N, C-alpha and C. Protein backbone atom coordinates (compact mmCIF):
# COMPACT_ATOMS: atom_id res chain seq x y z
N MET A 1 0.69 -1.09 -0.04
CA MET A 1 0.24 0.05 0.03
C MET A 1 1.03 1.11 -0.08
N MET A 2 0.44 2.43 -0.79
CA MET A 2 1.30 3.36 -1.05
C MET A 2 0.79 4.62 -0.08
N PHE A 3 1.11 4.68 1.34
CA PHE A 3 0.79 5.85 2.08
C PHE A 3 1.43 6.90 1.60
N THR A 4 1.06 8.16 1.18
CA THR A 4 2.02 8.98 0.98
C THR A 4 2.38 9.56 2.39
N LYS A 5 3.72 10.53 1.87
CA LYS A 5 4.83 10.26 3.03
C LYS A 5 4.26 11.76 3.88
N SER A 6 3.63 12.46 3.10
CA SER A 6 3.41 13.66 3.91
C SER A 6 1.93 14.24 3.33
N LEU A 7 1.44 15.39 3.74
CA LEU A 7 0.32 16.38 3.29
C LEU A 7 0.51 16.62 2.14
N GLU A 8 1.66 17.22 2.13
CA GLU A 8 2.47 17.85 0.56
C GLU A 8 2.44 16.96 -0.65
N ASP A 9 2.72 15.72 -0.27
CA ASP A 9 2.50 14.87 -1.21
C ASP A 9 1.06 14.43 -1.88
N GLY A 10 0.51 14.52 -0.87
CA GLY A 10 -0.83 13.99 -0.93
C GLY A 10 -1.85 15.19 -1.88
N ALA A 11 -1.28 16.52 -1.60
CA ALA A 11 -1.82 17.45 -1.99
C ALA A 11 -1.82 17.56 -3.54
N ALA A 12 -0.03 17.02 -4.06
CA ALA A 12 -0.02 17.24 -5.28
C ALA A 12 -0.58 16.05 -6.02
N GLN A 13 -0.93 14.94 -5.43
CA GLN A 13 -1.59 13.54 -6.09
C GLN A 13 -3.03 14.11 -6.33
N LEU A 14 -3.54 15.02 -5.08
CA LEU A 14 -5.12 15.06 -5.24
C LEU A 14 -5.19 16.20 -6.38
N ARG A 15 -4.52 17.40 -6.69
CA ARG A 15 -4.54 18.06 -7.89
C ARG A 15 -4.61 17.27 -9.06
N GLN A 16 -3.83 16.31 -9.24
CA GLN A 16 -4.29 15.44 -10.55
C GLN A 16 -5.33 14.21 -10.55
N ALA A 17 -5.54 13.78 -9.31
CA ALA A 17 -6.67 12.79 -9.37
C ALA A 17 -7.77 13.42 -10.27
N ARG A 18 -8.35 12.21 -10.89
CA ARG A 18 -9.88 12.46 -11.28
C ARG A 18 -10.74 11.32 -10.87
N ARG A 19 -10.34 10.46 -10.33
CA ARG A 19 -11.29 9.56 -9.78
C ARG A 19 -10.52 8.95 -8.40
N ILE A 20 -11.44 9.70 -7.41
CA ILE A 20 -11.20 9.59 -6.13
C ILE A 20 -11.96 8.96 -5.15
N MET A 21 -11.52 7.71 -4.19
CA MET A 21 -12.61 7.35 -3.08
C MET A 21 -12.14 8.19 -1.47
N VAL A 22 -13.38 8.40 -1.07
CA VAL A 22 -12.90 9.08 0.23
C VAL A 22 -13.77 8.06 1.37
N ILE A 23 -13.10 7.30 2.20
CA ILE A 23 -13.25 6.30 2.74
C ILE A 23 -13.11 7.02 4.81
N GLY A 24 -13.75 5.91 5.36
CA GLY A 24 -13.22 6.28 6.85
C GLY A 24 -14.74 6.03 7.50
N CYS A 25 -14.47 6.16 8.69
CA CYS A 25 -15.53 5.65 9.74
C CYS A 25 -16.86 6.76 9.52
N SER A 26 -17.96 6.22 9.96
CA SER A 26 -19.15 7.19 10.02
C SER A 26 -18.85 8.48 11.03
N GLY A 27 -19.29 9.78 10.67
CA GLY A 27 -19.15 10.90 11.59
C GLY A 27 -17.74 11.52 11.33
N GLY A 28 -17.15 10.90 10.66
CA GLY A 28 -15.50 11.54 10.51
C GLY A 28 -15.50 12.54 9.64
N GLY A 29 -16.37 12.59 8.62
CA GLY A 29 -16.38 13.86 7.61
C GLY A 29 -16.06 13.84 6.23
N LYS A 30 -16.37 12.17 6.28
CA LYS A 30 -16.08 11.91 4.88
C LYS A 30 -17.13 12.37 3.72
N SER A 31 -18.40 12.68 3.99
CA SER A 31 -19.31 13.28 2.87
C SER A 31 -19.13 14.95 2.84
N THR A 32 -18.67 15.60 4.03
CA THR A 32 -18.26 16.60 3.83
C THR A 32 -17.37 17.21 3.20
N LEU A 33 -15.88 16.24 3.43
CA LEU A 33 -14.89 16.41 2.08
C LEU A 33 -14.95 16.07 0.89
N SER A 34 -15.92 15.36 0.92
CA SER A 34 -16.08 14.51 -0.71
C SER A 34 -17.02 15.96 -1.34
N ARG A 35 -17.98 16.40 -0.71
CA ARG A 35 -18.50 17.53 -1.64
C ARG A 35 -18.02 18.59 -1.82
N LYS A 36 -16.85 19.19 -0.69
CA LYS A 36 -15.84 20.02 -1.09
C LYS A 36 -14.92 19.64 -2.41
N LEU A 37 -14.58 18.62 -1.92
CA LEU A 37 -13.53 18.08 -3.18
C LEU A 37 -14.23 18.39 -4.58
N ALA A 38 -15.54 17.57 -4.61
CA ALA A 38 -16.32 17.79 -5.68
C ALA A 38 -16.34 19.37 -6.57
N ALA A 39 -17.04 20.33 -5.66
CA ALA A 39 -17.02 21.48 -5.80
C ALA A 39 -15.55 22.05 -6.37
N ALA A 40 -14.70 21.70 -5.54
CA ALA A 40 -13.06 22.51 -6.25
C ALA A 40 -12.91 21.86 -6.88
N LEU A 41 -12.95 20.38 -7.25
CA LEU A 41 -12.31 19.77 -8.48
C LEU A 41 -12.95 19.45 -9.90
N ASP A 42 -14.48 20.18 -9.51
CA ASP A 42 -15.51 19.77 -10.71
C ASP A 42 -15.55 18.47 -10.95
N LEU A 43 -15.71 17.61 -9.88
CA LEU A 43 -15.81 16.26 -10.25
C LEU A 43 -17.21 15.67 -9.56
N PRO A 44 -17.92 14.99 -10.47
CA PRO A 44 -19.24 14.06 -9.93
C PRO A 44 -18.79 13.76 -8.67
N ASN A 45 -19.65 14.06 -7.73
CA ASN A 45 -19.73 13.37 -6.47
C ASN A 45 -20.73 12.28 -6.14
N HIS A 46 -20.38 10.70 -5.97
CA HIS A 46 -21.31 10.20 -5.70
C HIS A 46 -21.10 9.48 -4.36
N SER A 47 -22.37 9.62 -3.40
CA SER A 47 -22.66 8.97 -2.21
C SER A 47 -22.83 7.30 -2.31
N MET A 48 -22.27 6.46 -1.90
CA MET A 48 -22.47 5.21 -1.70
C MET A 48 -23.75 5.16 -0.74
N ASP A 49 -24.23 5.88 0.02
CA ASP A 49 -25.35 5.76 0.82
C ASP A 49 -26.39 5.85 0.14
N ARG A 50 -26.36 7.11 -0.67
CA ARG A 50 -27.57 7.64 -1.23
C ARG A 50 -27.66 6.56 -2.82
N GLU A 51 -26.63 6.52 -3.47
CA GLU A 51 -26.74 6.07 -4.63
C GLU A 51 -26.72 4.57 -4.74
N VAL A 52 -25.79 4.05 -4.02
CA VAL A 52 -25.64 2.42 -3.86
C VAL A 52 -26.22 1.37 -2.78
N PHE A 53 -25.87 1.58 -1.70
CA PHE A 53 -26.58 0.90 -0.63
C PHE A 53 -27.94 1.02 -0.26
N TRP A 54 -28.60 1.91 -0.23
CA TRP A 54 -30.10 2.37 0.36
C TRP A 54 -31.05 2.21 -0.76
N LEU A 55 -32.40 1.83 -0.34
CA LEU A 55 -33.34 2.28 -1.04
C LEU A 55 -34.28 2.73 -0.14
N SER A 56 -35.61 3.39 -0.48
CA SER A 56 -36.05 3.95 0.62
C SER A 56 -36.51 3.46 1.62
N ALA A 57 -36.47 3.86 2.88
CA ALA A 57 -37.51 3.59 3.92
C ALA A 57 -35.92 2.87 5.15
N TRP A 58 -34.80 2.80 4.57
CA TRP A 58 -33.80 1.95 4.95
C TRP A 58 -34.04 0.52 4.52
N VAL A 59 -34.24 0.31 3.24
CA VAL A 59 -34.28 -1.12 2.76
C VAL A 59 -32.95 -1.35 2.27
N GLN A 60 -31.98 -2.06 2.40
CA GLN A 60 -30.74 -2.07 1.63
C GLN A 60 -30.86 -3.06 0.45
N ARG A 61 -30.41 -2.39 -0.54
CA ARG A 61 -30.26 -2.61 -2.07
C ARG A 61 -29.86 -4.10 -2.35
N PRO A 62 -30.17 -5.24 -3.04
CA PRO A 62 -29.57 -6.57 -3.30
C PRO A 62 -28.16 -6.21 -3.62
N ARG A 63 -27.11 -6.78 -3.13
CA ARG A 63 -25.74 -6.97 -3.19
C ARG A 63 -25.38 -6.81 -4.98
N ALA A 64 -26.11 -7.66 -5.60
CA ALA A 64 -25.40 -7.66 -7.43
C ALA A 64 -26.02 -6.27 -7.72
N GLU A 65 -27.03 -5.29 -7.26
CA GLU A 65 -27.43 -4.31 -7.90
C GLU A 65 -26.21 -3.34 -7.19
N GLN A 66 -25.96 -3.29 -6.41
CA GLN A 66 -24.81 -2.49 -5.59
C GLN A 66 -23.66 -2.67 -6.79
N ARG A 67 -23.44 -3.87 -6.74
CA ARG A 67 -22.06 -3.89 -7.52
C ARG A 67 -22.22 -3.46 -9.18
N ASP A 68 -23.43 -3.86 -9.48
CA ASP A 68 -23.57 -2.95 -10.84
C ASP A 68 -23.67 -1.74 -10.88
N ILE A 69 -23.89 -1.12 -10.14
CA ILE A 69 -23.96 0.40 -10.06
C ILE A 69 -22.83 0.90 -9.60
N ILE A 70 -21.93 0.06 -9.01
CA ILE A 70 -20.57 0.65 -8.38
C ILE A 70 -19.54 0.44 -9.66
N SER A 71 -20.04 -0.50 -10.68
CA SER A 71 -19.02 -0.81 -11.90
C SER A 71 -19.55 0.38 -12.80
N ASP A 72 -20.61 0.98 -12.99
CA ASP A 72 -21.17 2.03 -13.40
C ASP A 72 -20.47 3.08 -13.51
N ILE A 73 -20.65 3.42 -12.23
CA ILE A 73 -19.87 4.75 -11.52
C ILE A 73 -18.50 4.48 -11.87
N VAL A 74 -17.58 3.28 -11.80
CA VAL A 74 -16.16 3.68 -11.75
C VAL A 74 -15.56 3.44 -13.43
N GLY A 75 -16.99 2.94 -14.00
CA GLY A 75 -16.28 3.17 -15.25
C GLY A 75 -16.33 4.41 -16.13
N ARG A 76 -16.87 5.34 -15.50
CA ARG A 76 -16.69 6.92 -16.08
C ARG A 76 -14.99 7.36 -15.80
N GLU A 77 -14.90 8.46 -16.40
CA GLU A 77 -13.31 8.96 -16.16
C GLU A 77 -13.19 9.97 -15.05
N ARG A 78 -14.36 10.28 -14.47
CA ARG A 78 -14.08 11.28 -13.44
C ARG A 78 -15.12 11.08 -12.35
N TRP A 79 -14.79 11.01 -11.21
CA TRP A 79 -15.69 10.71 -9.80
C TRP A 79 -14.98 10.88 -8.41
N ILE A 80 -16.01 10.84 -7.61
CA ILE A 80 -15.51 11.21 -6.32
C ILE A 80 -16.34 9.61 -5.66
N LEU A 81 -16.11 8.56 -4.78
CA LEU A 81 -17.01 7.73 -4.01
C LEU A 81 -16.78 8.22 -2.81
N ASP A 82 -17.94 8.43 -2.66
CA ASP A 82 -18.03 8.72 -0.58
C ASP A 82 -18.39 7.64 -0.15
N GLY A 83 -17.75 6.55 0.30
CA GLY A 83 -18.28 5.63 1.25
C GLY A 83 -17.21 4.70 1.32
N THR A 84 -16.98 3.77 2.60
CA THR A 84 -16.24 2.37 2.70
C THR A 84 -16.11 1.64 1.86
N ASN A 85 -17.18 0.76 2.72
CA ASN A 85 -17.42 -0.91 1.96
C ASN A 85 -16.46 -1.64 1.35
N PRO A 86 -15.16 -2.13 2.24
CA PRO A 86 -14.28 -2.83 1.48
C PRO A 86 -14.61 -4.01 0.71
N SER A 87 -16.02 -4.37 0.88
CA SER A 87 -16.27 -5.55 -0.12
C SER A 87 -16.29 -4.95 -1.59
N SER A 88 -16.48 -3.66 -2.11
CA SER A 88 -16.52 -3.16 -3.25
C SER A 88 -15.04 -2.79 -3.58
N PHE A 89 -14.30 -3.05 -2.92
CA PHE A 89 -12.60 -2.65 -3.42
C PHE A 89 -11.99 -3.26 -4.47
N ASP A 90 -12.71 -4.60 -4.53
CA ASP A 90 -12.45 -5.01 -5.77
C ASP A 90 -12.45 -4.38 -7.08
N ILE A 91 -13.54 -3.62 -6.93
CA ILE A 91 -14.27 -3.08 -8.45
C ILE A 91 -13.66 -1.55 -8.11
N ARG A 92 -13.41 -1.14 -7.15
CA ARG A 92 -13.44 0.56 -7.18
C ARG A 92 -11.62 0.70 -7.18
N LEU A 93 -10.87 0.02 -6.65
CA LEU A 93 -9.50 0.62 -6.37
C LEU A 93 -8.79 0.39 -7.87
N PRO A 94 -9.20 -0.79 -8.53
CA PRO A 94 -8.42 -0.71 -9.90
C PRO A 94 -8.59 0.77 -10.91
N ARG A 95 -9.45 1.28 -10.76
CA ARG A 95 -9.97 2.49 -11.63
C ARG A 95 -9.94 3.50 -10.49
N THR A 96 -9.10 3.87 -9.47
CA THR A 96 -8.81 4.96 -8.40
C THR A 96 -7.46 5.52 -8.64
N ASP A 97 -7.58 7.07 -8.36
CA ASP A 97 -6.35 7.22 -8.92
C ASP A 97 -5.85 8.01 -7.47
N LEU A 98 -6.59 8.20 -6.30
CA LEU A 98 -6.17 8.30 -5.07
C LEU A 98 -7.49 7.72 -3.98
N VAL A 99 -6.88 7.21 -2.79
CA VAL A 99 -8.00 7.12 -1.63
C VAL A 99 -7.29 8.20 -0.54
N ILE A 100 -8.46 8.64 -0.23
CA ILE A 100 -8.19 9.73 0.90
C ILE A 100 -9.26 8.93 1.96
N TRP A 101 -8.70 8.79 3.16
CA TRP A 101 -8.92 7.86 4.39
C TRP A 101 -8.95 8.50 5.39
N ALA A 102 -10.01 9.22 5.82
CA ALA A 102 -10.47 9.95 6.86
C ALA A 102 -10.71 9.00 8.01
N ARG A 103 -9.06 8.92 8.93
CA ARG A 103 -9.13 7.93 9.95
C ARG A 103 -9.34 9.02 11.21
N LEU A 104 -10.15 9.37 11.47
CA LEU A 104 -10.22 10.02 12.98
C LEU A 104 -10.58 9.35 13.91
N PRO A 105 -10.17 9.83 15.16
CA PRO A 105 -10.16 9.39 16.56
C PRO A 105 -11.99 8.77 16.59
N ARG A 106 -12.10 8.00 17.35
CA ARG A 106 -13.40 7.35 17.37
C ARG A 106 -14.69 8.45 17.98
N TRP A 107 -13.74 9.35 19.26
CA TRP A 107 -14.11 10.07 20.02
C TRP A 107 -14.69 11.18 18.78
N ARG A 108 -14.14 11.60 18.04
CA ARG A 108 -14.62 12.66 16.79
C ARG A 108 -15.64 12.28 16.18
N CYS A 109 -15.57 10.93 15.63
CA CYS A 109 -16.59 10.40 15.08
C CYS A 109 -17.87 10.19 15.55
N LEU A 110 -17.91 9.78 16.53
CA LEU A 110 -19.00 9.81 17.51
C LEU A 110 -19.44 11.19 17.55
N LEU A 111 -19.13 12.10 18.11
CA LEU A 111 -19.31 13.66 18.03
C LEU A 111 -19.88 14.02 17.04
N GLY A 112 -19.03 13.38 16.11
CA GLY A 112 -19.63 13.57 14.51
C GLY A 112 -21.02 13.42 13.98
N VAL A 113 -21.12 12.14 14.57
CA VAL A 113 -22.73 11.24 14.19
C VAL A 113 -23.67 11.94 15.11
N TYR A 114 -23.58 12.59 16.29
CA TYR A 114 -24.55 13.01 17.48
C TYR A 114 -24.86 14.39 16.73
N ARG A 115 -23.93 15.26 16.14
CA ARG A 115 -23.87 16.79 15.83
C ARG A 115 -25.03 16.35 14.21
N ARG A 116 -24.52 15.42 13.71
CA ARG A 116 -25.18 15.30 12.39
C ARG A 116 -26.92 14.81 12.98
N ALA A 117 -27.02 13.98 13.93
CA ALA A 117 -28.38 13.70 14.23
C ALA A 117 -29.28 14.77 14.74
N ALA A 118 -28.43 15.44 15.30
CA ALA A 118 -29.36 16.92 16.22
C ALA A 118 -29.40 17.76 15.02
N LYS A 119 -29.16 17.91 13.95
CA LYS A 119 -28.98 18.65 12.64
C LYS A 119 -30.12 17.84 11.85
N PHE A 120 -30.63 16.59 11.75
CA PHE A 120 -31.12 16.35 10.56
C PHE A 120 -32.25 14.96 11.11
N VAL A 121 -32.23 14.70 12.58
CA VAL A 121 -33.11 13.59 13.01
C VAL A 121 -34.65 14.19 12.64
N GLY A 122 -35.07 13.19 12.11
CA GLY A 122 -36.66 13.47 11.65
C GLY A 122 -36.26 13.79 9.94
N LYS A 123 -35.94 14.06 9.52
CA LYS A 123 -35.47 14.76 8.27
C LYS A 123 -34.41 13.53 7.39
N HIS A 124 -34.50 14.33 6.17
CA HIS A 124 -33.69 13.47 4.97
C HIS A 124 -32.34 14.29 4.71
N ARG A 125 -31.35 13.61 4.90
CA ARG A 125 -30.15 14.28 5.16
C ARG A 125 -29.35 13.84 3.20
N PRO A 126 -28.54 15.07 2.95
CA PRO A 126 -28.88 14.89 1.48
C PRO A 126 -27.65 13.74 0.88
N GLU A 127 -27.03 13.05 1.95
CA GLU A 127 -26.01 11.94 1.41
C GLU A 127 -26.89 10.56 1.43
N MET A 128 -28.23 10.32 1.92
CA MET A 128 -29.01 9.43 2.06
C MET A 128 -29.74 9.15 0.98
N ALA A 129 -30.29 8.11 0.75
CA ALA A 129 -31.50 7.59 -0.45
C ALA A 129 -32.85 8.39 0.33
N ASP A 130 -33.45 8.48 -0.84
CA ASP A 130 -34.91 9.35 -0.61
C ASP A 130 -35.63 8.02 0.55
N GLY A 131 -36.59 8.97 1.42
CA GLY A 131 -37.12 7.73 2.31
C GLY A 131 -36.29 7.54 3.59
N CYS A 132 -35.12 7.82 3.46
CA CYS A 132 -34.34 7.40 4.73
C CYS A 132 -33.91 8.50 5.78
N VAL A 133 -35.08 8.76 6.54
CA VAL A 133 -34.93 9.73 7.54
C VAL A 133 -34.15 9.45 8.45
N GLU A 134 -33.34 10.36 8.94
CA GLU A 134 -32.40 10.29 10.02
C GLU A 134 -32.89 9.78 11.32
N LYS A 135 -32.35 8.85 12.01
CA LYS A 135 -32.53 8.62 13.31
C LYS A 135 -31.65 9.04 14.26
N TRP A 136 -31.88 9.00 15.69
CA TRP A 136 -30.78 9.03 16.53
C TRP A 136 -29.92 7.78 16.67
N PRO A 137 -28.84 7.67 16.76
CA PRO A 137 -27.81 6.55 16.58
C PRO A 137 -28.32 5.51 17.66
N ASP A 138 -28.41 3.97 17.30
CA ASP A 138 -28.50 3.11 18.19
C ASP A 138 -27.60 2.85 18.81
N ARG A 139 -27.54 1.52 19.44
CA ARG A 139 -26.73 0.98 20.32
C ARG A 139 -25.43 0.47 19.29
N GLU A 140 -26.29 -0.37 18.46
CA GLU A 140 -25.44 -0.92 17.38
C GLU A 140 -24.57 -0.05 16.80
N PHE A 141 -25.23 1.00 15.92
CA PHE A 141 -24.34 1.94 15.32
C PHE A 141 -23.32 2.72 16.23
N LEU A 142 -23.47 3.06 17.55
CA LEU A 142 -22.23 3.42 18.39
C LEU A 142 -21.33 2.40 18.42
N SER A 143 -21.41 1.14 18.65
CA SER A 143 -20.51 0.02 18.42
C SER A 143 -20.08 0.25 17.61
N TYR A 144 -20.52 0.22 16.17
CA TYR A 144 -19.68 -0.01 15.15
C TYR A 144 -18.74 1.18 14.83
N ILE A 145 -19.54 2.23 15.52
CA ILE A 145 -18.24 3.75 15.48
C ILE A 145 -17.43 3.15 16.19
N TRP A 146 -17.25 2.78 17.52
CA TRP A 146 -16.63 2.55 18.64
C TRP A 146 -15.49 1.82 18.20
N HIS A 147 -15.84 0.50 17.60
CA HIS A 147 -14.94 -0.57 17.51
C HIS A 147 -14.41 -0.54 15.92
N PHE A 148 -14.71 0.58 14.99
CA PHE A 148 -14.51 0.54 13.70
C PHE A 148 -12.82 0.52 13.58
N GLU A 149 -11.89 1.34 13.96
CA GLU A 149 -10.45 1.15 13.60
C GLU A 149 -10.15 -0.43 14.05
N ARG A 150 -10.60 -0.99 15.42
CA ARG A 150 -9.66 -2.15 15.41
C ARG A 150 -10.59 -3.35 14.70
N ARG A 151 -11.88 -2.96 14.37
CA ARG A 151 -12.55 -4.20 13.57
C ARG A 151 -12.56 -4.28 12.26
N PHE A 152 -12.29 -2.95 11.55
CA PHE A 152 -12.57 -2.71 10.00
C PHE A 152 -11.29 -2.26 9.60
N SER A 153 -10.39 -1.85 10.33
CA SER A 153 -9.07 -0.81 9.70
C SER A 153 -8.42 -1.93 9.18
N PRO A 154 -7.76 -3.05 9.58
CA PRO A 154 -7.23 -4.43 9.01
C PRO A 154 -7.72 -4.80 7.86
N ARG A 155 -8.94 -5.03 7.47
CA ARG A 155 -9.72 -5.47 6.32
C ARG A 155 -9.43 -4.19 5.16
N ILE A 156 -9.67 -2.98 5.54
CA ILE A 156 -9.35 -1.97 4.61
C ILE A 156 -7.94 -1.77 4.25
N ILE A 157 -7.04 -2.28 4.90
CA ILE A 157 -5.63 -2.30 4.78
C ILE A 157 -5.37 -3.21 3.94
N GLN A 158 -5.91 -4.99 4.18
CA GLN A 158 -6.22 -5.80 3.52
C GLN A 158 -6.30 -5.87 2.07
N GLU A 159 -7.69 -5.28 1.66
CA GLU A 159 -8.49 -4.97 0.72
C GLU A 159 -7.37 -3.98 -0.19
N ILE A 160 -6.84 -2.87 0.49
CA ILE A 160 -6.39 -1.99 -0.36
C ILE A 160 -4.99 -2.58 -1.13
N GLU A 161 -4.29 -3.48 -0.11
CA GLU A 161 -2.87 -4.02 -0.53
C GLU A 161 -3.45 -5.03 -1.42
N ARG A 162 -4.61 -5.96 -1.89
CA ARG A 162 -5.03 -6.73 -2.71
C ARG A 162 -5.26 -6.18 -3.99
N HIS A 163 -6.21 -5.21 -3.97
CA HIS A 163 -6.61 -4.47 -4.95
C HIS A 163 -6.54 -3.62 -5.60
N GLY A 164 -5.50 -2.75 -5.04
CA GLY A 164 -5.03 -1.52 -5.18
C GLY A 164 -3.46 -1.03 -4.77
N PRO A 165 -2.66 -2.03 -4.67
CA PRO A 165 -1.44 -1.89 -4.19
C PRO A 165 -0.15 -0.40 -4.43
N ASN A 166 -1.03 -0.24 -5.97
CA ASN A 166 -0.19 1.34 -6.04
C ASN A 166 -1.06 2.60 -6.24
N VAL A 167 -2.08 2.10 -5.73
CA VAL A 167 -2.77 3.51 -5.40
C VAL A 167 -2.49 4.41 -4.31
N PRO A 168 -1.98 5.71 -4.25
CA PRO A 168 -1.64 6.19 -3.39
C PRO A 168 -2.77 6.41 -2.15
N VAL A 169 -2.50 6.51 -0.96
CA VAL A 169 -3.46 6.76 0.25
C VAL A 169 -3.02 7.86 0.91
N VAL A 170 -3.65 8.79 1.10
CA VAL A 170 -3.85 10.12 1.93
C VAL A 170 -4.47 9.54 3.16
N THR A 171 -3.97 9.63 4.27
CA THR A 171 -4.43 9.28 5.61
C THR A 171 -4.56 10.87 6.35
N LEU A 172 -6.04 11.03 6.79
CA LEU A 172 -6.18 12.08 7.61
C LEU A 172 -6.89 11.98 8.77
N LYS A 173 -6.14 12.52 10.00
CA LYS A 173 -6.21 12.11 11.03
C LYS A 173 -7.19 13.05 11.90
N SER A 174 -7.51 14.16 11.39
CA SER A 174 -8.24 15.45 12.07
C SER A 174 -9.06 16.40 10.76
N HIS A 175 -9.88 17.37 11.46
CA HIS A 175 -10.70 17.76 10.39
C HIS A 175 -9.66 18.86 9.87
N GLY A 176 -8.72 19.49 10.73
CA GLY A 176 -7.54 20.24 10.72
C GLY A 176 -6.91 19.83 9.45
N GLU A 177 -6.56 18.71 9.28
CA GLU A 177 -5.68 17.83 8.35
C GLU A 177 -6.41 17.96 7.09
N MET A 178 -7.54 17.81 7.09
CA MET A 178 -8.51 18.10 5.79
C MET A 178 -8.74 19.16 5.08
N ALA A 179 -8.37 20.42 6.13
CA ALA A 179 -8.77 21.82 5.78
C ALA A 179 -6.99 21.85 4.93
N HIS A 180 -5.94 21.41 5.80
CA HIS A 180 -4.46 21.74 5.26
C HIS A 180 -3.96 21.11 4.13
N LEU A 181 -4.70 20.05 3.91
CA LEU A 181 -4.85 19.24 2.31
C LEU A 181 -5.17 20.22 1.70
N LEU A 182 -6.66 20.29 1.75
CA LEU A 182 -7.35 21.23 0.83
C LEU A 182 -6.18 22.57 0.74
N ASP A 183 -5.74 23.43 1.35
CA ASP A 183 -4.99 24.39 1.56
C ASP A 183 -3.68 24.14 0.52
N LEU A 184 -3.11 22.61 0.82
CA LEU A 184 -1.86 23.02 0.01
C LEU A 184 -2.18 22.50 -1.27
N ALA A 185 -3.39 22.06 -1.37
CA ALA A 185 -3.73 21.72 -2.98
C ALA A 185 -4.27 23.26 -3.88
N GLY A 186 -4.25 23.53 -2.91
CA GLY A 186 -4.57 24.99 -3.58
C GLY A 186 -6.21 25.31 -3.94
N LEU A 187 -6.72 24.63 -2.93
CA LEU A 187 -8.43 24.23 -3.29
C LEU A 187 -9.04 25.38 -2.06
N PRO A 188 -10.26 25.65 -2.81
CA PRO A 188 -11.29 26.28 -1.63
C PRO A 188 -11.83 25.39 -0.60
N HIS A 189 -12.33 25.91 0.44
CA HIS A 189 -12.92 25.07 1.27
C HIS A 189 -13.67 25.65 2.25
């Protein structure tokens, strides 16, 4: 796996990238960063939650359909894909120029999820499929976030090494690093 050595290196790669995956734990700022990158780089932004995973009323789309939709998106020349789901890395990584991994501490992700819920509970948020009304996070979702780094990061690393060993990965550990990356790349935010 090709972790970038510095944010400066990541910024240089970001300026050239036309197919970008933004991954990380829920609540860490993936969707916000993806929207900013899409606007600054004039790239189509695709939310995996909105376009791939969910149908209305929190019904999960069948896996075969998910993979077909992902294949269609990554077959295009320009895109940002906002969402982790390592089970689709085999489709996404071979077509990816750059992975941005929002790898924030779990307390920050939990805070992000609570802030998002406070803003959108009972409403539809832009990153979700129509009919998926925001709920207060339940114990299962909070546990997913709390254990994300230990349970899911090893699989993310394994799948990147397996399906995209030459794809550069920029790891961002704070919102400050996200802003700094955009500054270094000369992008507005």
